[in-house]
């Protein structure tokens, strides 16, 4: 009996180790893809290779992580934060630094255009720019509503209501997709490009960076949806859900700040 218990314990520990650490080429592929995409800014054919490789590496990494999830230790249920939530906290800290640098460029470009003693001249927003504030306000409400749905789905999951969580999460993802579609429509009808003037560069840099974060958040929410549907992400693994919800709320907060600064110019 002691021998059987030892064998079972070794097997369990082995499965846990498989879930925690695994051999994968996906991180290397992603690093190479990002390098190629950045190189594409100087030599565009590199981006043609880098973008498909980036999409494939992200898909491969997510697929591997999903398959390994059942073998991972249960950390961070509905109570205190686990590893996933703390990891997301530090990710958000680094993201705040990135967005702060982009906002700093926005204010610097405006100052350099209209306020500096040696300013290049012109107006801010640039001449000919007519932002659709009504459409953007609607889009802001859509994203905020999506955040409310994510929070609601998280609470339902914590209470063991998987079916309710799935339906609410699908609604949140749909709202996020609508947000991106409206943003793309705004880009197509804006009447100016990032290369036309400093305002265009700052506008597309800030809104485009946020759009990429919305896209990343939608991928993360879709993964959570698949895991909950498959019964892999139960209440005992609620920490993963909590971490993704934290990220989505961060995306919401940044957009509200962006809407106030870029569109309403309250600062």
Protein backbone atom coordinates (compact mmCIF):
# COMPACT_ATOMS: atom_id res chain seq x y z
CA UNK A 1 0.00 0.00 0.00
CA UNK A 2 2.87 2.33 0.85
CA UNK A 3 4.45 1.61 -2.54
CA UNK A 4 1.19 2.38 -4.34
CA UNK A 5 0.82 5.65 -2.42
CA UNK A 6 4.37 6.66 -3.32
CA UNK A 7 3.78 5.88 -7.00
CA UNK A 8 0.55 7.87 -7.00
CA UNK A 9 2.24 10.83 -5.31
CA UNK A 10 5.09 10.75 -7.84
CA UNK A 11 2.55 10.65 -10.66
CA UNK A 12 0.66 13.63 -9.27
CA UNK A 13 3.86 15.62 -8.79
CA UNK A 14 4.89 14.76 -12.33
CA UNK A 15 1.59 16.01 -13.71
CA UNK A 16 1.96 19.23 -11.70
CA UNK A 17 5.45 19.75 -13.03
CA UNK A 18 4.20 19.15 -16.55
CA UNK A 19 1.61 21.85 -16.01
CA UNK A 20 4.08 24.36 -14.58
CA UNK A 21 7.03 23.95 -16.94
CA UNK A 22 7.02 22.65 -20.47
CA UNK A 23 9.22 22.69 -23.53
CA UNK A 24 7.82 24.94 -26.24
CA UNK A 25 9.08 26.74 -29.30
CA UNK A 26 6.21 29.24 -29.16
CA UNK A 27 8.03 31.89 -27.06
CA UNK A 28 11.05 31.74 -29.38
CA UNK A 29 8.79 32.03 -32.43
CA UNK A 30 6.99 35.00 -30.87
CA UNK A 31 10.26 36.79 -30.10
CA UNK A 32 11.42 36.25 -33.68
CA UNK A 33 8.06 37.40 -35.06
CA UNK A 34 8.12 40.61 -33.01
CA UNK A 35 11.67 41.30 -34.19
CA UNK A 36 10.61 40.81 -37.81
CA UNK A 37 7.58 43.09 -37.34
CA UNK A 38 9.76 45.83 -35.88
CA UNK A 39 12.24 45.35 -38.71
CA UNK A 40 9.32 45.75 -41.09
CA UNK A 41 9.13 49.40 -40.09
CA UNK A 42 12.42 49.83 -41.97
CA UNK A 43 12.08 47.07 -44.58
CA UNK A 44 8.42 46.15 -45.12
CA UNK A 45 8.91 42.57 -46.50
CA UNK A 46 10.06 41.55 -43.02
CA UNK A 47 6.62 42.42 -41.68
CA UNK A 48 5.01 40.18 -44.30
CA UNK A 49 6.91 37.29 -42.73
CA UNK A 50 6.60 38.51 -39.14
CA UNK A 51 2.83 39.06 -38.92
CA UNK A 52 1.76 35.51 -39.90
CA UNK A 53 4.48 34.08 -37.68
CA UNK A 54 3.25 36.25 -34.81
CA UNK A 55 -0.33 35.05 -35.25
CA UNK A 56 0.81 31.41 -35.44
CA UNK A 57 3.04 31.70 -32.36
CA UNK A 58 0.23 33.28 -30.30
CA UNK A 59 -2.19 30.55 -31.39
CA UNK A 60 0.36 27.82 -30.60
CA UNK A 61 1.16 29.23 -27.19
CA UNK A 62 -2.50 29.59 -26.22
CA UNK A 63 -3.27 26.07 -27.43
CA UNK A 64 -0.42 24.60 -25.40
CA UNK A 65 -1.39 26.55 -22.29
CA UNK A 66 -5.02 25.44 -22.62
CA UNK A 67 -4.03 21.78 -22.90
CA UNK A 68 -1.76 22.01 -19.86
CA UNK A 69 -4.23 23.92 -17.68
CA UNK A 70 -5.92 20.81 -16.17
CA UNK A 71 -2.55 19.61 -14.84
CA UNK A 72 -1.73 22.84 -13.02
CA UNK A 73 -2.01 23.35 -9.31
CA UNK A 74 -5.13 25.12 -8.09
CA UNK A 75 -3.97 28.53 -6.89
CA UNK A 76 -6.13 31.48 -6.02
CA UNK A 77 -9.77 30.51 -5.84
CA UNK A 78 -12.50 33.01 -5.12
CA UNK A 79 -10.66 34.45 -2.12
CA UNK A 80 -7.20 35.94 -2.07
CA UNK A 81 -5.17 36.65 -5.17
CA UNK A 82 -3.14 33.84 -6.67
CA UNK A 83 -0.16 33.84 -9.00
CA UNK A 84 -2.24 34.85 -12.04
CA UNK A 85 -3.67 37.96 -10.39
CA UNK A 86 -0.30 39.09 -9.05
CA UNK A 87 1.30 38.51 -12.44
CA UNK A 88 -1.44 40.57 -14.08
CA UNK A 89 -0.93 43.31 -11.50
CA UNK A 90 2.72 43.70 -12.52
CA UNK A 91 1.82 43.49 -16.21
CA UNK A 92 -0.61 46.37 -15.70
CA UNK A 93 2.11 48.36 -13.94
CA UNK A 94 4.37 48.01 -16.98
CA UNK A 95 1.47 48.86 -19.28
CA UNK A 96 0.85 52.05 -17.29
CA UNK A 97 4.44 53.07 -17.97
CA UNK A 98 4.01 52.41 -21.70
CA UNK A 99 0.78 54.41 -21.93
CA UNK A 100 2.30 57.20 -19.83
CA UNK A 101 5.06 57.58 -22.42
CA UNK A 102 2.51 57.81 -25.23
CA UNK A 103 0.45 60.39 -23.34
CA UNK A 104 3.67 62.30 -22.69
CA UNK A 105 4.28 62.37 -26.45
CA UNK A 106 0.73 63.68 -26.98
CA UNK A 107 1.29 66.63 -24.63
CA UNK A 108 4.78 67.25 -26.00
CA UNK A 109 3.52 67.29 -29.61
CA UNK A 110 0.73 69.73 -28.70
CA UNK A 111 3.15 71.99 -26.83
CA UNK A 112 5.66 71.84 -29.68
CA UNK A 113 2.92 72.74 -32.16
CA UNK A 114 1.11 75.65 -30.48
CA UNK A 115 2.60 76.70 -27.11
CA UNK A 116 6.38 76.66 -27.37
CA UNK A 117 8.15 79.96 -28.16
CA UNK A 118 9.65 78.35 -31.23
CA UNK A 119 6.54 76.33 -32.08
CA UNK A 120 6.17 75.13 -35.65
CA UNK A 121 2.78 76.82 -35.82
CA UNK A 122 -0.60 75.43 -36.65
CA UNK A 123 -3.60 74.44 -34.59
CA UNK A 124 -4.40 71.57 -32.26
CA UNK A 125 -6.30 69.61 -33.47
CA UNK A 126 -4.78 70.19 -36.88
CA UNK A 127 -6.71 72.03 -39.57
CA UNK A 128 -9.23 69.82 -41.30
CA UNK A 129 -9.59 67.40 -38.36
CA UNK A 130 -13.20 66.97 -37.31
CA UNK A 131 -13.55 64.13 -34.80
CA UNK A 132 -16.95 62.48 -34.46
CA UNK A 133 -17.52 63.06 -30.74
CA UNK A 134 -21.03 61.58 -30.73
CA UNK A 135 -19.86 58.30 -32.25
CA UNK A 136 -16.86 58.14 -29.95
CA UNK A 137 -19.03 58.82 -26.90
CA UNK A 138 -21.27 55.93 -27.95
CA UNK A 139 -18.20 53.75 -28.40
CA UNK A 140 -17.02 54.73 -24.93
CA UNK A 141 -20.32 53.64 -23.42
CA UNK A 142 -20.08 50.34 -25.30
CA UNK A 143 -16.65 49.60 -23.86
CA UNK A 144 -17.71 50.61 -20.34
CA UNK A 145 -20.77 48.36 -20.64
CA UNK A 146 -18.48 45.55 -21.77
CA UNK A 147 -16.43 46.03 -18.61
CA UNK A 148 -19.59 45.82 -16.49
CA UNK A 149 -20.51 42.57 -18.22
CA UNK A 150 -17.04 41.13 -17.58
CA UNK A 151 -17.32 41.98 -13.89
CA UNK A 152 -20.78 40.41 -13.78
CA UNK A 153 -19.48 37.28 -15.54
CA UNK A 154 -16.61 37.06 -13.05
CA UNK A 155 -19.00 37.21 -10.08
CA UNK A 156 -21.26 34.55 -11.61
CA UNK A 157 -18.25 32.29 -12.16
CA UNK A 158 -17.11 32.79 -8.55
CA UNK A 159 -20.59 31.75 -7.39
CA UNK A 160 -20.49 28.57 -9.48
CA UNK A 161 -22.94 29.79 -12.12
CA UNK A 162 -20.96 28.69 -15.18
CA UNK A 163 -23.83 28.95 -17.66
CA UNK A 164 -24.67 32.49 -16.58
CA UNK A 165 -21.01 33.42 -16.70
CA UNK A 166 -20.65 32.05 -20.23
CA UNK A 167 -23.63 34.01 -21.57
CA UNK A 168 -22.55 37.25 -19.92
CA UNK A 169 -18.96 36.80 -21.11
CA UNK A 170 -20.14 36.29 -24.68
CA UNK A 171 -22.01 39.58 -24.43
CA UNK A 172 -18.87 41.33 -23.16
CA UNK A 173 -16.79 39.95 -26.01
CA UNK A 174 -19.42 41.06 -28.53
CA UNK A 175 -19.30 44.59 -27.11
CA UNK A 176 -15.52 44.60 -27.42
CA UNK A 177 -15.70 43.52 -31.05
CA UNK A 178 -18.25 46.26 -31.79
CA UNK A 179 -15.91 48.78 -30.17
CA UNK A 180 -13.07 47.80 -32.52
CA UNK A 181 -15.35 47.87 -35.57
CA UNK A 182 -16.48 51.41 -34.73
CA UNK A 183 -12.88 52.47 -34.18
CA UNK A 184 -11.88 51.10 -37.58
CA UNK A 185 -14.81 52.96 -39.11
CA UNK A 186 -13.60 56.14 -37.44
CA UNK A 187 -10.15 55.61 -38.92
CA UNK A 188 -11.57 55.08 -42.40
CA UNK A 189 -13.62 58.30 -42.25
CA UNK A 190 -11.25 60.55 -40.27
CA UNK A 191 -9.88 62.31 -43.36
CA UNK A 192 -6.27 62.39 -42.12
CA UNK A 193 -3.35 60.00 -41.68
CA UNK A 194 -0.62 59.59 -39.08
CA UNK A 195 1.89 61.06 -41.52
CA UNK A 196 -0.04 64.26 -42.26
CA UNK A 197 0.94 66.22 -39.14
CA UNK A 198 2.06 65.78 -35.50
CA UNK A 199 -1.55 65.61 -34.38
CA UNK A 200 -2.19 62.67 -36.68
CA UNK A 201 0.90 60.88 -35.39
CA UNK A 202 -0.11 61.39 -31.76
CA UNK A 203 -3.76 60.51 -32.39
CA UNK A 204 -3.13 57.24 -34.21
CA UNK A 205 -0.33 56.27 -31.82
CA UNK A 206 -2.49 56.58 -28.72
CA UNK A 207 -5.74 55.21 -30.11
CA UNK A 208 -3.96 52.50 -32.09
CA UNK A 209 -1.99 51.33 -29.05
CA UNK A 210 -5.20 51.12 -27.08
CA UNK A 211 -6.90 49.26 -29.92
CA UNK A 212 -4.14 46.63 -29.84
CA UNK A 213 -4.74 46.21 -26.11
CA UNK A 214 -8.46 45.77 -26.71
CA UNK A 215 -7.65 43.08 -29.27
CA UNK A 216 -5.33 41.33 -26.80
CA UNK A 217 -8.03 41.55 -24.14
CA UNK A 218 -10.59 40.01 -26.47
CA UNK A 219 -8.25 37.09 -27.16
CA UNK A 220 -7.78 36.59 -23.41
CA UNK A 221 -11.53 36.74 -22.78
CA UNK A 222 -12.12 34.24 -25.60
CA UNK A 223 -9.62 31.84 -24.00
CA UNK A 224 -11.41 32.18 -20.64
CA UNK A 225 -14.71 31.51 -22.42
CA UNK A 226 -13.34 28.31 -23.97
CA UNK A 227 -11.92 27.15 -20.63
CA UNK A 228 -15.17 27.78 -18.78
CA UNK A 229 -17.21 26.07 -21.49
CA UNK A 230 -14.89 23.06 -21.38
CA UNK A 231 -15.23 22.77 -17.63
CA UNK A 232 -11.49 23.35 -17.22
CA UNK A 233 -11.78 26.70 -15.44
CA UNK A 234 -13.85 25.83 -12.39
CA UNK A 235 -14.43 27.90 -9.28
CA UNK A 236 -11.22 26.55 -7.75
CA UNK A 237 -9.31 28.14 -10.65
CA UNK A 238 -11.14 31.44 -10.49
CA UNK A 239 -7.85 33.36 -10.21
CA UNK A 240 -7.28 33.09 -13.98
CA UNK A 241 -10.68 34.65 -14.64
CA UNK A 242 -9.94 37.39 -12.11
CA UNK A 243 -6.63 38.22 -13.79
CA UNK A 244 -8.18 38.65 -17.24
CA UNK A 245 -11.00 40.76 -15.78
CA UNK A 246 -8.36 43.02 -14.19
CA UNK A 247 -6.77 43.52 -17.60
CA UNK A 248 -10.11 44.36 -19.22
CA UNK A 249 -10.91 46.93 -16.54
CA UNK A 250 -7.49 48.48 -17.14
CA UNK A 251 -8.29 48.74 -20.85
CA UNK A 252 -11.59 50.44 -19.97
CA UNK A 253 -9.88 52.92 -17.65
CA UNK A 254 -7.24 53.87 -20.23
CA UNK A 255 -9.91 54.50 -22.87
CA UNK A 256 -11.90 56.78 -20.56
CA UNK A 257 -8.71 58.74 -19.87
CA UNK A 258 -7.92 58.81 -23.58
CA UNK A 259 -11.43 60.00 -24.41
CA UNK A 260 -11.10 62.88 -21.93
CA UNK A 261 -7.64 63.92 -23.14
CA UNK A 262 -7.76 63.31 -26.89
CA UNK A 263 -11.41 63.84 -27.80
CA UNK A 264 -12.75 66.21 -25.15
CA UNK A 265 -9.37 67.87 -24.40
CA UNK A 266 -10.23 68.45 -20.76
CA UNK A 267 -6.48 68.47 -19.98
